[in-house]
Amino acid sequence: MTVRIGISGWRYAPWRGVFYPPGLVQRRELEHASGCFPTIELNGSFYSLQSPDSYSAWHDATPSDFIFAVKGPRYITHIRRLREVARPMANFLASGLLRLGPKLGPLLWQLPPNFKFDAALLGEFLGALPRDTETALSLARRRDVARMRGRSALAIDRNRRLKHAIEVRHPSFCDPQFIRLLRRHRVALVVADTAGKWPYLEDVTADFMYLRLHGAAELYVSGYTDDALARWAKRIRLWSEGGEPDDAVRIDGRASKRASRDVYCYFDNDVKVHAPFDAQVLMEKLGLPVPCPAREDVVPVSGHL
């Protein structure tokens, strides 16, 4: 059982001089952030395919026990809307994320708010997801060769398990059939706190939990009070110990029990720089080490931010 608390993304201008020390150059921001948190959600991959060199650089800039969650491309989830995505999936898997090696954590698939539950379509998509890096590499070789020329990384150090989590935003997913589908494919349902904007569900559907905290009162903007973070700490502790909160919001009404679970939790309330500080407080409440270096320990480098 491992609990990892982190942030969604790390390159935000308002964080400079607030979370990041004054004078820290942009290229060292990941180094600083990964010294503060054991995991970060990599969300640039949602907007466009990243490069193998970028994944290699991110791997090398972070500690040996660091974990990246990687957000799947919106081209697959929002534009193709899960239809005919074999080639886009291959391109994504070939784009370099396998270079993260042991630092590659869960893959996050976020569906758009107007995407309604379609059992057949979703089942086909979930069934096609690679469950290990050998399968991912095999799929990656089916990439669009012309488009991915010079932009592919087709090698792994060894076979590793791949985990998947899905975040939904349409009320039609409040359906027991959806929960059964996730359990059948061992895909985690994201517990997403969205200030009441989208469905909030806590059904346990895999052997790990994935939480995204987008803001308590205003999406992406508001922070979390001390009491709210204490409540999240209690829930995370229960999930990690294999149980569930007594007041868990579930669709199928059935509790899940196991010896323990890994928990990944990411703060996405970044607009007013709440995310990193809320994450640190939550880590403290869970009794986790908060290793963020003091500002005086980071050597300022002159130049552009």
Protein backbone atom coordinates (compact mmCIF):
# COMPACT_ATOMS: atom_id res chain seq x y z
CA MET A 1 0.00 0.00 0.00
CA THR A 2 1.34 3.39 -1.05
CA VAL A 3 -0.31 6.80 -0.74
CA ARG A 4 0.99 9.43 -3.15
CA ILE A 5 -0.21 13.03 -2.96
CA GLY A 6 0.74 15.41 -5.74
CA ILE A 7 -0.24 18.14 -8.15
CA SER A 8 -1.71 18.26 -11.64
CA GLY A 9 0.95 19.88 -13.81
CA TRP A 10 3.80 22.02 -12.58
CA ARG A 11 4.41 24.82 -15.10
CA TYR A 12 2.20 27.72 -14.04
CA ALA A 13 3.26 31.36 -14.22
CA PRO A 14 1.38 32.44 -11.03
CA TRP A 15 3.35 29.86 -9.02
CA ARG A 16 6.65 31.60 -9.73
CA GLY A 17 7.87 33.52 -6.72
CA VAL A 18 5.08 31.95 -4.60
CA PHE A 19 5.57 28.19 -4.64
CA TYR A 20 8.72 28.34 -6.73
CA PRO A 21 11.54 30.42 -5.25
CA PRO A 22 12.17 33.81 -6.86
CA GLY A 23 14.76 33.53 -9.61
CA LEU A 24 14.31 29.79 -10.20
CA VAL A 25 14.55 29.21 -13.95
CA GLN A 26 11.65 27.44 -15.63
CA ARG A 27 13.71 24.42 -16.63
CA ARG A 28 14.27 23.64 -12.93
CA GLU A 29 10.64 23.83 -11.87
CA LEU A 30 10.02 20.10 -12.28
CA GLU A 31 13.16 19.37 -10.28
CA HIS A 32 11.84 21.58 -7.48
CA ALA A 33 8.27 20.21 -7.60
CA SER A 34 9.39 16.58 -7.65
CA GLY A 35 11.46 17.31 -4.56
CA CYS A 36 8.23 18.34 -2.83
CA PHE A 37 5.85 15.62 -4.02
CA PRO A 38 6.22 11.91 -4.84
CA THR A 39 3.97 12.18 -7.89
CA ILE A 40 2.76 14.67 -10.50
CA GLU A 41 -0.01 14.37 -13.05
CA LEU A 42 1.46 15.08 -16.47
CA ASN A 43 -1.28 16.92 -18.37
CA GLY A 44 0.56 18.35 -21.38
CA SER A 45 -0.03 14.96 -23.02
CA PHE A 46 -3.75 15.76 -22.99
CA TYR A 47 -3.35 18.75 -25.30
CA SER A 48 -0.80 17.36 -27.76
CA LEU A 49 1.57 14.47 -28.31
CA GLN A 50 4.79 15.04 -26.40
CA SER A 51 8.21 13.98 -27.64
CA PRO A 52 10.46 11.11 -26.56
CA ASP A 53 13.13 13.65 -25.61
CA SER A 54 10.68 15.41 -23.29
CA TYR A 55 9.72 12.18 -21.53
CA SER A 56 13.40 11.32 -21.14
CA ALA A 57 14.13 14.75 -19.69
CA TRP A 58 11.22 14.46 -17.24
CA HIS A 59 12.44 11.02 -16.20
CA ASP A 60 15.96 12.29 -15.59
CA ALA A 61 14.84 15.42 -13.68
CA THR A 62 12.94 13.49 -10.99
CA PRO A 63 13.94 11.24 -8.06
CA SER A 64 14.34 7.51 -8.59
CA ASP A 65 11.12 6.63 -6.74
CA PHE A 66 9.01 9.33 -8.41
CA ILE A 67 5.79 8.49 -10.29
CA PHE A 68 4.09 10.30 -13.18
CA ALA A 69 0.42 9.88 -13.92
CA VAL A 70 -0.04 10.57 -17.64
CA LYS A 71 -3.23 12.06 -19.04
CA GLY A 72 -4.45 10.50 -22.27
CA PRO A 73 -4.87 12.72 -25.34
CA ARG A 74 -8.05 14.74 -25.80
CA TYR A 75 -7.86 13.73 -29.46
CA ILE A 76 -8.91 10.28 -28.30
CA THR A 77 -11.43 11.29 -25.63
CA HIS A 78 -12.86 14.61 -26.84
CA ILE A 79 -12.41 14.69 -30.62
CA ARG A 80 -12.62 11.04 -31.65
CA ARG A 81 -14.84 10.41 -28.60
CA LEU A 82 -13.41 6.88 -28.22
CA ARG A 83 -14.39 5.87 -31.76
CA GLU A 84 -11.82 4.43 -34.19
CA VAL A 85 -8.93 5.25 -31.88
CA ALA A 86 -6.55 2.36 -32.57
CA ARG A 87 -4.12 4.50 -34.58
CA PRO A 88 -4.29 7.56 -32.26
CA MET A 89 -3.73 5.23 -29.31
CA ALA A 90 -0.70 3.73 -31.05
CA ASN A 91 0.68 7.21 -31.71
CA PHE A 92 0.23 8.16 -28.06
CA LEU A 93 1.95 5.00 -26.83
CA ALA A 94 4.78 5.53 -29.32
CA SER A 95 5.31 9.19 -28.38
CA GLY A 96 7.72 8.47 -25.54
CA LEU A 97 5.78 7.76 -22.36
CA LEU A 98 7.30 4.27 -22.20
CA ARG A 99 10.65 6.02 -21.62
CA LEU A 100 9.39 6.85 -18.13
CA GLY A 101 10.07 3.20 -17.25
CA PRO A 102 9.40 2.52 -13.55
CA LYS A 103 8.23 6.13 -13.14
CA LEU A 104 5.17 5.55 -15.36
CA GLY A 105 2.10 5.41 -13.14
CA PRO A 106 -1.61 5.37 -13.98
CA LEU A 107 -2.91 6.59 -17.32
CA LEU A 108 -5.82 9.00 -16.89
CA TRP A 109 -8.67 9.13 -19.39
CA GLN A 110 -10.96 12.13 -18.91
CA LEU A 111 -14.23 12.18 -20.83
CA PRO A 112 -15.91 15.49 -21.82
CA PRO A 113 -19.00 16.79 -19.98
CA ASN A 114 -21.28 16.10 -22.98
CA PHE A 115 -20.15 12.49 -23.37
CA LYS A 116 -23.03 10.21 -22.36
CA PHE A 117 -22.62 6.67 -21.08
CA ASP A 118 -22.57 4.16 -23.93
CA ALA A 119 -21.89 0.68 -22.53
CA ALA A 120 -20.88 -0.90 -25.85
CA LEU A 121 -18.55 1.92 -26.89
CA LEU A 122 -16.93 2.26 -23.48
CA GLY A 123 -16.57 -1.49 -23.10
CA GLU A 124 -14.76 -1.70 -26.43
CA PHE A 125 -12.41 1.11 -25.43
CA LEU A 126 -11.64 -0.31 -21.99
CA GLY A 127 -11.07 -3.76 -23.42
CA ALA A 128 -8.49 -2.41 -25.88
CA LEU A 129 -6.38 -0.59 -23.26
CA PRO A 130 -2.93 -2.15 -22.78
CA ARG A 131 -2.45 -3.77 -19.38
CA ASP A 132 1.33 -3.94 -19.48
CA THR A 133 4.19 -2.23 -21.25
CA GLU A 134 4.89 -5.18 -23.57
CA THR A 135 1.36 -4.90 -24.93
CA ALA A 136 1.70 -1.12 -25.09
CA LEU A 137 4.91 -1.49 -27.11
CA SER A 138 3.21 -3.91 -29.49
CA LEU A 139 0.38 -1.42 -30.02
CA ALA A 140 2.85 1.46 -30.41
CA ARG A 141 4.44 -0.29 -33.39
CA ARG A 142 1.13 0.19 -35.24
CA ARG A 143 1.60 3.95 -35.17
CA ASP A 144 1.19 6.30 -38.11
CA VAL A 145 4.75 5.91 -39.36
CA ALA A 146 4.73 9.02 -41.54
CA ARG A 147 3.36 11.28 -38.80
CA MET A 148 5.52 9.79 -36.06
CA ARG A 149 8.78 9.68 -38.00
CA GLY A 150 11.50 10.95 -35.67
CA ARG A 151 8.98 11.23 -32.84
CA SER A 152 8.71 7.61 -31.71
CA ALA A 153 10.30 5.62 -28.89
CA LEU A 154 9.82 1.88 -29.37
CA ALA A 155 11.67 0.18 -26.53
CA ILE A 156 11.08 -0.83 -22.90
CA ASP A 157 13.51 -1.87 -20.19
CA ARG A 158 11.23 -4.68 -19.00
CA ASN A 159 7.59 -5.58 -18.83
CA ARG A 160 5.60 -3.62 -16.26
CA ARG A 161 1.93 -3.44 -15.32
CA LEU A 162 -0.10 -0.50 -16.63
CA LYS A 163 -2.96 1.00 -14.61
CA HIS A 164 -5.84 3.02 -16.02
CA ALA A 165 -8.31 5.46 -14.45
CA ILE A 166 -11.31 7.19 -16.01
CA GLU A 167 -12.92 10.50 -15.08
CA VAL A 168 -16.51 11.08 -16.21
CA ARG A 169 -18.54 14.27 -16.21
CA HIS A 170 -22.02 13.39 -17.48
CA PRO A 171 -24.81 12.28 -15.09
CA SER A 172 -25.69 9.33 -17.33
CA PHE A 173 -22.66 7.54 -15.86
CA CYS A 174 -24.51 7.26 -12.54
CA ASP A 175 -25.50 3.78 -13.67
CA PRO A 176 -24.65 0.44 -11.95
CA GLN A 177 -23.83 -0.99 -15.38
CA PHE A 178 -20.99 1.52 -15.69
CA ILE A 179 -19.55 0.46 -12.33
CA ARG A 180 -19.74 -3.21 -13.29
CA LEU A 181 -17.99 -2.44 -16.56
CA LEU A 182 -15.11 -0.72 -14.78
CA ARG A 183 -14.73 -3.61 -12.34
CA ARG A 184 -14.73 -6.13 -15.17
CA HIS A 185 -11.83 -4.28 -16.82
CA ARG A 186 -10.13 -3.33 -13.50
CA VAL A 187 -10.16 0.38 -14.35
CA ALA A 188 -10.34 2.87 -11.48
CA LEU A 189 -13.18 5.37 -11.31
CA VAL A 190 -11.73 8.80 -10.57
CA VAL A 191 -13.09 10.38 -7.40
CA ALA A 192 -13.40 13.92 -8.74
CA ASP A 193 -14.23 16.84 -6.45
CA THR A 194 -15.53 19.48 -8.87
CA ALA A 195 -17.33 21.95 -6.58
CA GLY A 196 -20.61 20.23 -7.45
CA LYS A 197 -20.32 20.91 -11.18
CA TRP A 198 -20.09 17.25 -12.26
CA PRO A 199 -21.03 13.91 -10.66
CA TYR A 200 -19.20 12.93 -7.50
CA LEU A 201 -18.78 9.16 -7.19
CA GLU A 202 -16.72 7.00 -4.84
CA ASP A 203 -17.33 3.48 -6.14
CA VAL A 204 -14.19 1.35 -5.81
CA THR A 205 -13.63 -0.40 -9.14
CA ALA A 206 -9.93 -1.39 -9.12
CA ASP A 207 -7.14 -2.26 -6.70
CA PHE A 208 -6.11 1.39 -6.47
CA MET A 209 -7.84 4.74 -6.00
CA TYR A 210 -7.36 7.86 -8.12
CA LEU A 211 -8.52 11.23 -6.77
CA ARG A 212 -8.60 14.62 -8.49
CA LEU A 213 -9.36 17.62 -6.27
CA HIS A 214 -10.34 20.50 -8.55
CA GLY A 215 -11.47 22.96 -5.89
CA ALA A 216 -13.84 22.93 -2.92
CA ALA A 217 -16.16 25.82 -3.88
CA GLU A 218 -15.01 27.15 -7.25
CA LEU A 219 -13.58 24.93 -9.95
CA TYR A 220 -9.77 25.21 -10.31
CA VAL A 221 -9.74 28.35 -8.13
CA SER A 222 -10.71 27.79 -4.51
CA GLY A 223 -8.57 26.13 -1.88
CA TYR A 224 -9.46 23.60 0.80
CA THR A 225 -9.98 24.45 4.46
CA ASP A 226 -8.14 22.63 7.20
CA ASP A 227 -11.34 20.75 8.06
CA ALA A 228 -11.87 19.74 4.44
CA LEU A 229 -8.32 18.43 4.15
CA ALA A 230 -8.77 16.50 7.41
CA ARG A 231 -11.86 14.89 5.89
CA TRP A 232 -9.92 13.93 2.75
CA ALA A 233 -7.13 12.51 4.89
CA LYS A 234 -9.60 10.30 6.75
CA ARG A 235 -11.12 8.99 3.50
CA ILE A 236 -7.73 8.36 1.91
CA ARG A 237 -6.57 6.49 5.00
CA LEU A 238 -9.65 4.24 4.87
CA TRP A 239 -9.22 3.51 1.16
CA SER A 240 -5.51 2.79 1.56
CA GLU A 241 -6.25 0.34 4.39
CA GLY A 242 -8.63 -1.58 2.14
CA GLY A 243 -11.89 -0.19 3.48
CA GLU A 244 -14.29 2.57 2.49
CA PRO A 245 -15.90 5.54 4.26
CA ASP A 246 -19.26 4.77 5.88
CA ASP A 247 -20.81 7.64 3.93
CA ALA A 248 -19.19 6.77 0.58
CA VAL A 249 -21.21 7.99 -2.41
CA ARG A 250 -21.72 4.82 -4.44
CA ILE A 251 -23.87 3.94 -7.43
CA ASP A 252 -24.23 0.22 -6.84
CA GLY A 253 -24.40 0.48 -3.04
CA ARG A 254 -21.88 -2.33 -2.56
CA ALA A 255 -18.79 -1.78 -0.47
CA SER A 256 -15.44 -3.25 -1.48
CA LYS A 257 -12.96 -4.75 0.97
CA ARG A 258 -9.36 -5.84 0.44
CA ALA A 259 -6.11 -5.90 2.40
CA SER A 260 -4.89 -2.54 1.11
CA ARG A 261 -4.94 -0.20 -1.89
CA ASP A 262 -2.56 2.27 -3.45
CA VAL A 263 -3.98 5.80 -3.56
CA TYR A 264 -3.02 8.56 -6.00
CA CYS A 265 -4.38 12.03 -5.24
CA TYR A 266 -3.78 15.15 -7.34
CA PHE A 267 -4.72 18.76 -6.61
CA ASP A 268 -5.88 20.67 -9.69
CA ASN A 269 -6.91 23.96 -8.00
CA ASP A 270 -3.93 25.74 -9.52
CA VAL A 271 -5.27 29.16 -10.55
CA LYS A 272 -4.52 30.90 -7.24
CA VAL A 273 -1.60 28.67 -6.24
CA HIS A 274 -3.64 26.63 -3.75
CA ALA A 275 -2.72 23.23 -5.23
CA PRO A 276 0.86 22.76 -3.95
CA PHE A 277 0.13 24.10 -0.48
CA ASP A 278 -3.10 22.11 -0.09
CA ALA A 279 -1.17 19.00 -1.15
CA GLN A 280 1.48 19.64 1.49
CA VAL A 281 -1.10 20.07 4.26
CA LEU A 282 -2.85 16.85 3.22
CA MET A 283 0.48 15.00 3.28
CA GLU A 284 1.09 16.27 6.81
CA LYS A 285 -2.35 15.13 7.96
CA LEU A 286 -1.65 11.66 6.57
CA GLY A 287 1.65 11.50 8.41
CA LEU A 288 3.59 11.46 5.15
CA PRO A 289 6.97 13.15 4.85
CA VAL A 290 6.87 16.63 3.33
CA PRO A 291 10.36 16.85 1.81
CA CYS A 292 9.96 20.13 -0.07
CA PRO A 293 13.28 21.94 0.19
CA ALA A 294 13.33 25.27 1.96
CA ARG A 295 13.64 28.21 -0.38
CA GLU A 296 17.12 28.99 0.83
CA ASP A 297 18.18 25.49 -0.26
CA VAL A 298 17.37 26.27 -3.89
CA VAL A 299 20.06 28.26 -5.64
CA PRO A 300 18.48 31.10 -7.67
CA VAL A 301 19.61 31.24 -11.27
CA SER A 302 19.44 34.56 -13.08
CA GLY A 303 17.62 34.68 -16.39
CA HIS A 304 14.09 34.39 -17.71
CA LEU A 305 11.46 32.50 -15.74
